Amino acid sequence: MTRVRLSVAERREELLTAAIEQIEARGVAAVRIADVASALGVSNALVLYHFSTKEKLVAAAFAHAAESDLAHLRKLLGRRTTALKRLRAAVRWYAPTGQAKGWRLWIEGWAAALREPALREVTRDLDRQWKAALAEVVAEGVAAGEFTCSDPMGAALRITALLDGLAVQLTSYDGGRARPAAVSRARMLEWVDEALARELGLERAELTAVGR
C-alpha cells in the first residue's frame, strides 16, 4: 500500500503519537526507535531524521502529550463562571479518577527524568505551568471574595502534590478486580474535595454544592 505523503508537521505529529503509544505500552527504558518506526511501517532513518536520538524523541513526545492537557486545563480554567467552579472542575479532571493524561505515561516520565536531562526539563516546565494556572485562579477567587487563601501558589503546590501522589498509588497498585487498589476511587475523590476545601477556607459541603 502506498503511504500518503505527509508534511513535516504532519509527520512529526504521527511520530510523536506513535512514540506516546509505545512508551505507554513498553515504558521509557524499553522503547526503541525501531518500535516507533515499526508501528508506523516506516524506516528507523525516517524517525531519526526528525528526532536525532531516542532521548530527543521521548522528550518531544512528553511535551506533545503535555500540550494537549495544558490546553484543556486552560479551557476549564477560562470558563465564564466562578473561580470555585473552575477550580473544582479542573482538579477533578486532573485527579487520577478523572479524564486527564494517561497517568502511566507520566509516572514513566517522572522516573526517566531522573536520568535524562531533556525529559527532566520538559516535566519541570509542565509542573510549573500547571501550578501557575491553578494559583492564578485561586488568586482570582480570593480577589472576588469567593473564598480565602493567603498563599495561592502554596495551595496549588499542595493540591497537585496530593493528586500526583494519589495517581502513583492508583496506577502502580491497582491490579484490577482481582487486586483492587488499597484506596477506592470514591475515597480518593473525597480526599481531593476535602483538600481543596481546606486550602480555600471552605467547608466541604460548600465546595461540593458548586457541582450540583
Protein backbone atom coordinates (compact mmCIF):
# COMPACT_ATOMS: atom_id res chain seq x y z
CA MET A 1 0.00 0.00 0.00
CA THR A 2 1.33 3.43 -0.98
CA ARG A 3 1.72 5.74 2.00
CA VAL A 4 0.25 9.23 1.76
CA ARG A 5 2.95 11.89 1.63
CA LEU A 6 2.74 13.97 4.79
CA SER A 7 4.01 17.45 5.51
CA VAL A 8 6.86 17.81 8.01
CA ALA A 9 4.42 18.91 10.73
CA GLU A 10 2.02 16.04 10.00
CA ARG A 11 4.86 13.51 10.01
CA ARG A 12 6.16 14.78 13.35
CA GLU A 13 2.65 14.58 14.78
CA GLU A 14 2.34 10.99 13.58
CA LEU A 15 5.72 10.03 15.02
CA LEU A 16 5.02 11.68 18.38
CA THR A 17 1.63 9.98 18.69
CA ALA A 18 3.21 6.62 17.93
CA ALA A 19 6.00 7.30 20.41
CA ILE A 20 3.49 8.07 23.17
CA GLU A 21 1.67 4.81 22.47
CA GLN A 22 4.90 2.84 22.55
CA ILE A 23 6.06 4.48 25.79
CA GLU A 24 2.73 3.66 27.43
CA ALA A 25 2.98 0.04 26.25
CA ARG A 26 6.69 -0.65 26.84
CA GLY A 27 8.00 2.01 29.21
CA VAL A 28 10.64 4.65 28.53
CA ALA A 29 13.60 2.39 29.22
CA ALA A 30 12.47 -0.40 26.91
CA VAL A 31 11.07 1.57 23.98
CA ARG A 32 13.30 1.79 20.91
CA ILE A 33 13.40 3.90 17.77
CA ALA A 34 12.66 0.66 15.91
CA ASP A 35 9.43 0.18 17.88
CA VAL A 36 8.11 3.57 16.79
CA ALA A 37 9.19 3.00 13.19
CA SER A 38 7.64 -0.46 13.09
CA ALA A 39 4.33 0.77 14.49
CA LEU A 40 4.03 3.16 11.54
CA GLY A 41 5.64 0.98 8.89
CA VAL A 42 8.46 3.45 8.27
CA SER A 43 12.24 3.22 8.48
CA ASN A 44 14.37 3.93 11.53
CA ALA A 45 16.14 6.53 9.42
CA LEU A 46 12.93 8.50 8.99
CA VAL A 47 12.39 8.67 12.74
CA LEU A 48 16.00 9.72 13.27
CA TYR A 49 15.67 12.37 10.55
CA HIS A 50 13.03 14.15 12.65
CA PHE A 51 14.45 13.26 16.08
CA SER A 52 18.16 12.59 16.03
CA THR A 53 18.18 10.46 19.21
CA LYS A 54 15.78 8.38 21.25
CA GLU A 55 16.16 10.84 24.13
CA LYS A 56 15.02 13.75 21.96
CA LEU A 57 12.09 11.71 20.63
CA VAL A 58 10.96 10.79 24.14
CA ALA A 59 11.26 14.36 25.42
CA ALA A 60 9.31 15.68 22.43
CA ALA A 61 6.64 13.01 22.91
CA PHE A 62 6.08 14.04 26.52
CA ALA A 63 5.96 17.70 25.55
CA HIS A 64 3.38 16.85 22.89
CA ALA A 65 1.22 14.97 25.39
CA ALA A 66 1.55 17.84 27.87
CA GLU A 67 0.46 20.48 25.37
CA SER A 68 -2.88 18.76 24.85
CA ASP A 69 -3.58 18.53 28.57
CA LEU A 70 -2.46 22.10 29.24
CA ALA A 71 -4.78 23.34 26.51
CA HIS A 72 -7.69 21.52 28.15
CA LEU A 73 -6.73 22.84 31.59
CA ARG A 74 -6.71 26.41 30.28
CA LYS A 75 -10.11 25.79 28.69
CA LEU A 76 -11.54 24.62 32.02
CA LEU A 77 -9.99 27.50 33.96
CA GLY A 78 -11.02 30.05 31.35
CA ARG A 79 -14.76 29.38 31.51
CA ARG A 80 -17.10 32.25 32.32
CA THR A 81 -18.15 31.09 35.74
CA THR A 82 -16.96 31.40 39.32
CA ALA A 83 -13.37 30.68 40.26
CA LEU A 84 -14.62 27.99 42.65
CA LYS A 85 -16.45 26.10 39.91
CA ARG A 86 -13.48 26.37 37.58
CA LEU A 87 -11.07 25.12 40.23
CA ARG A 88 -13.18 22.14 41.22
CA ALA A 89 -13.74 21.15 37.59
CA ALA A 90 -10.02 21.36 36.83
CA VAL A 91 -8.94 19.48 39.96
CA ARG A 92 -11.44 16.67 39.45
CA TRP A 93 -10.42 16.36 35.80
CA TYR A 94 -6.75 16.21 36.75
CA ALA A 95 -7.36 13.70 39.55
CA PRO A 96 -6.33 10.07 38.85
CA THR A 97 -10.02 9.16 38.67
CA GLY A 98 -10.69 11.81 36.04
CA GLN A 99 -10.04 12.08 32.29
CA ALA A 100 -6.69 13.82 32.26
CA LYS A 101 -3.47 12.49 30.81
CA GLY A 102 -2.61 8.79 30.97
CA TRP A 103 -1.05 8.56 34.42
CA ARG A 104 1.04 5.55 33.47
CA LEU A 105 2.74 7.68 30.84
CA TRP A 106 3.59 10.42 33.33
CA ILE A 107 4.82 8.09 36.03
CA GLU A 108 7.16 6.62 33.43
CA GLY A 109 8.27 10.13 32.55
CA TRP A 110 8.98 11.16 36.13
CA ALA A 111 11.10 8.06 36.67
CA ALA A 112 13.06 8.50 33.44
CA ALA A 113 13.57 12.22 34.14
CA LEU A 114 15.90 11.28 36.99
CA ARG A 115 18.42 10.15 34.37
CA GLU A 116 17.54 12.18 31.26
CA PRO A 117 18.10 15.97 31.46
CA ALA A 118 15.98 16.79 28.37
CA LEU A 119 12.99 14.94 29.77
CA ARG A 120 13.56 16.43 33.21
CA GLU A 121 13.27 19.93 31.74
CA VAL A 122 10.01 19.01 29.98
CA THR A 123 8.38 17.60 33.11
CA ARG A 124 9.65 20.52 35.22
CA ASP A 125 8.17 23.04 32.79
CA LEU A 126 4.85 21.18 32.75
CA ASP A 127 4.78 21.20 36.54
CA ARG A 128 5.42 24.95 36.64
CA GLN A 129 2.65 25.67 34.16
CA TRP A 130 0.06 23.55 35.99
CA LYS A 131 0.81 25.17 39.33
CA ALA A 132 0.84 28.67 37.88
CA ALA A 133 -2.52 28.17 36.15
CA LEU A 134 -4.17 26.88 39.34
CA ALA A 135 -2.60 29.57 41.51
CA GLU A 136 -3.87 32.28 39.17
CA VAL A 137 -7.48 31.14 39.51
CA VAL A 138 -7.13 30.76 43.29
CA ALA A 139 -5.95 34.39 43.38
CA GLU A 140 -8.93 35.42 41.23
CA GLY A 141 -11.33 33.73 43.65
CA VAL A 142 -9.72 35.46 46.62
CA ALA A 143 -9.96 38.84 44.88
CA ALA A 144 -13.63 38.19 44.09
CA GLY A 145 -14.35 37.30 47.72
CA GLU A 146 -15.40 33.74 46.92
CA PHE A 147 -13.02 32.18 49.44
CA THR A 148 -9.85 32.90 51.39
CA CYS A 149 -6.29 31.76 50.72
CA SER A 150 -3.18 33.60 51.85
CA ASP A 151 -0.82 31.65 49.60
CA PRO A 152 -2.31 30.71 46.19
CA MET A 153 0.93 29.21 44.86
CA GLY A 154 1.43 27.16 48.01
CA ALA A 155 -2.15 25.93 47.73
CA ALA A 156 -1.58 24.92 44.10
CA LEU A 157 1.60 23.09 45.05
CA ARG A 158 -0.07 21.13 47.87
CA ILE A 159 -3.12 20.22 45.80
CA THR A 160 -1.10 18.96 42.84
CA ALA A 161 1.27 17.08 45.16
CA LEU A 162 -1.72 15.24 46.61
CA LEU A 163 -3.12 14.45 43.17
CA ASP A 164 0.24 13.23 41.87
CA GLY A 165 0.73 11.02 44.92
CA LEU A 166 -2.75 9.51 44.62
CA ALA A 167 -2.11 8.89 40.92
CA VAL A 168 1.01 6.90 41.75
CA GLN A 169 -0.92 4.84 44.30
CA LEU A 170 -3.80 4.12 41.96
CA THR A 171 -1.73 3.46 38.84
CA SER A 172 1.03 1.43 40.46
CA TYR A 173 -1.03 -0.72 42.81
CA ASP A 174 -4.39 -1.14 41.08
CA GLY A 175 -4.36 -4.67 39.71
CA GLY A 176 -7.96 -4.69 38.53
CA ARG A 177 -10.82 -6.59 40.12
CA ALA A 178 -8.60 -9.39 41.39
CA ARG A 179 -6.25 -6.97 43.18
CA PRO A 180 -8.02 -3.64 43.65
CA ALA A 181 -6.17 -0.53 44.78
CA ALA A 182 -5.76 -0.05 48.52
CA VAL A 183 -7.84 3.14 48.32
CA SER A 184 -11.07 3.28 46.35
CA ARG A 185 -11.61 5.85 43.64
CA ALA A 186 -14.59 7.26 45.52
CA ARG A 187 -12.47 7.74 48.64
CA MET A 188 -9.76 9.46 46.60
CA LEU A 189 -12.28 11.97 45.26
CA GLU A 190 -13.44 12.66 48.82
CA TRP A 191 -9.84 13.40 49.83
CA VAL A 192 -9.39 15.68 46.82
CA ASP A 193 -12.53 17.66 47.69
CA GLU A 194 -11.52 17.86 51.35
CA ALA A 195 -8.04 19.12 50.46
CA LEU A 196 -9.34 21.75 48.03
CA ALA A 197 -11.95 22.97 50.52
CA ARG A 198 -9.32 23.20 53.25
CA GLU A 199 -6.99 25.25 51.06
CA LEU A 200 -9.82 27.67 50.25
CA GLY A 201 -11.10 28.06 53.78
CA LEU A 202 -14.41 26.38 52.97
CA GLU A 203 -16.48 23.52 54.33
CA ARG A 204 -16.57 20.50 52.03
CA ALA A 205 -20.35 20.92 51.65
CA GLU A 206 -19.80 24.41 50.23
CA LEU A 207 -17.37 23.02 47.68
CA THR A 208 -19.46 20.05 46.60
CA ALA A 209 -22.54 22.26 46.24
CA VAL A 210 -20.98 24.01 43.24
CA GLY A 211 -21.21 20.82 41.19
CA ARG A 212 -24.94 20.37 41.66
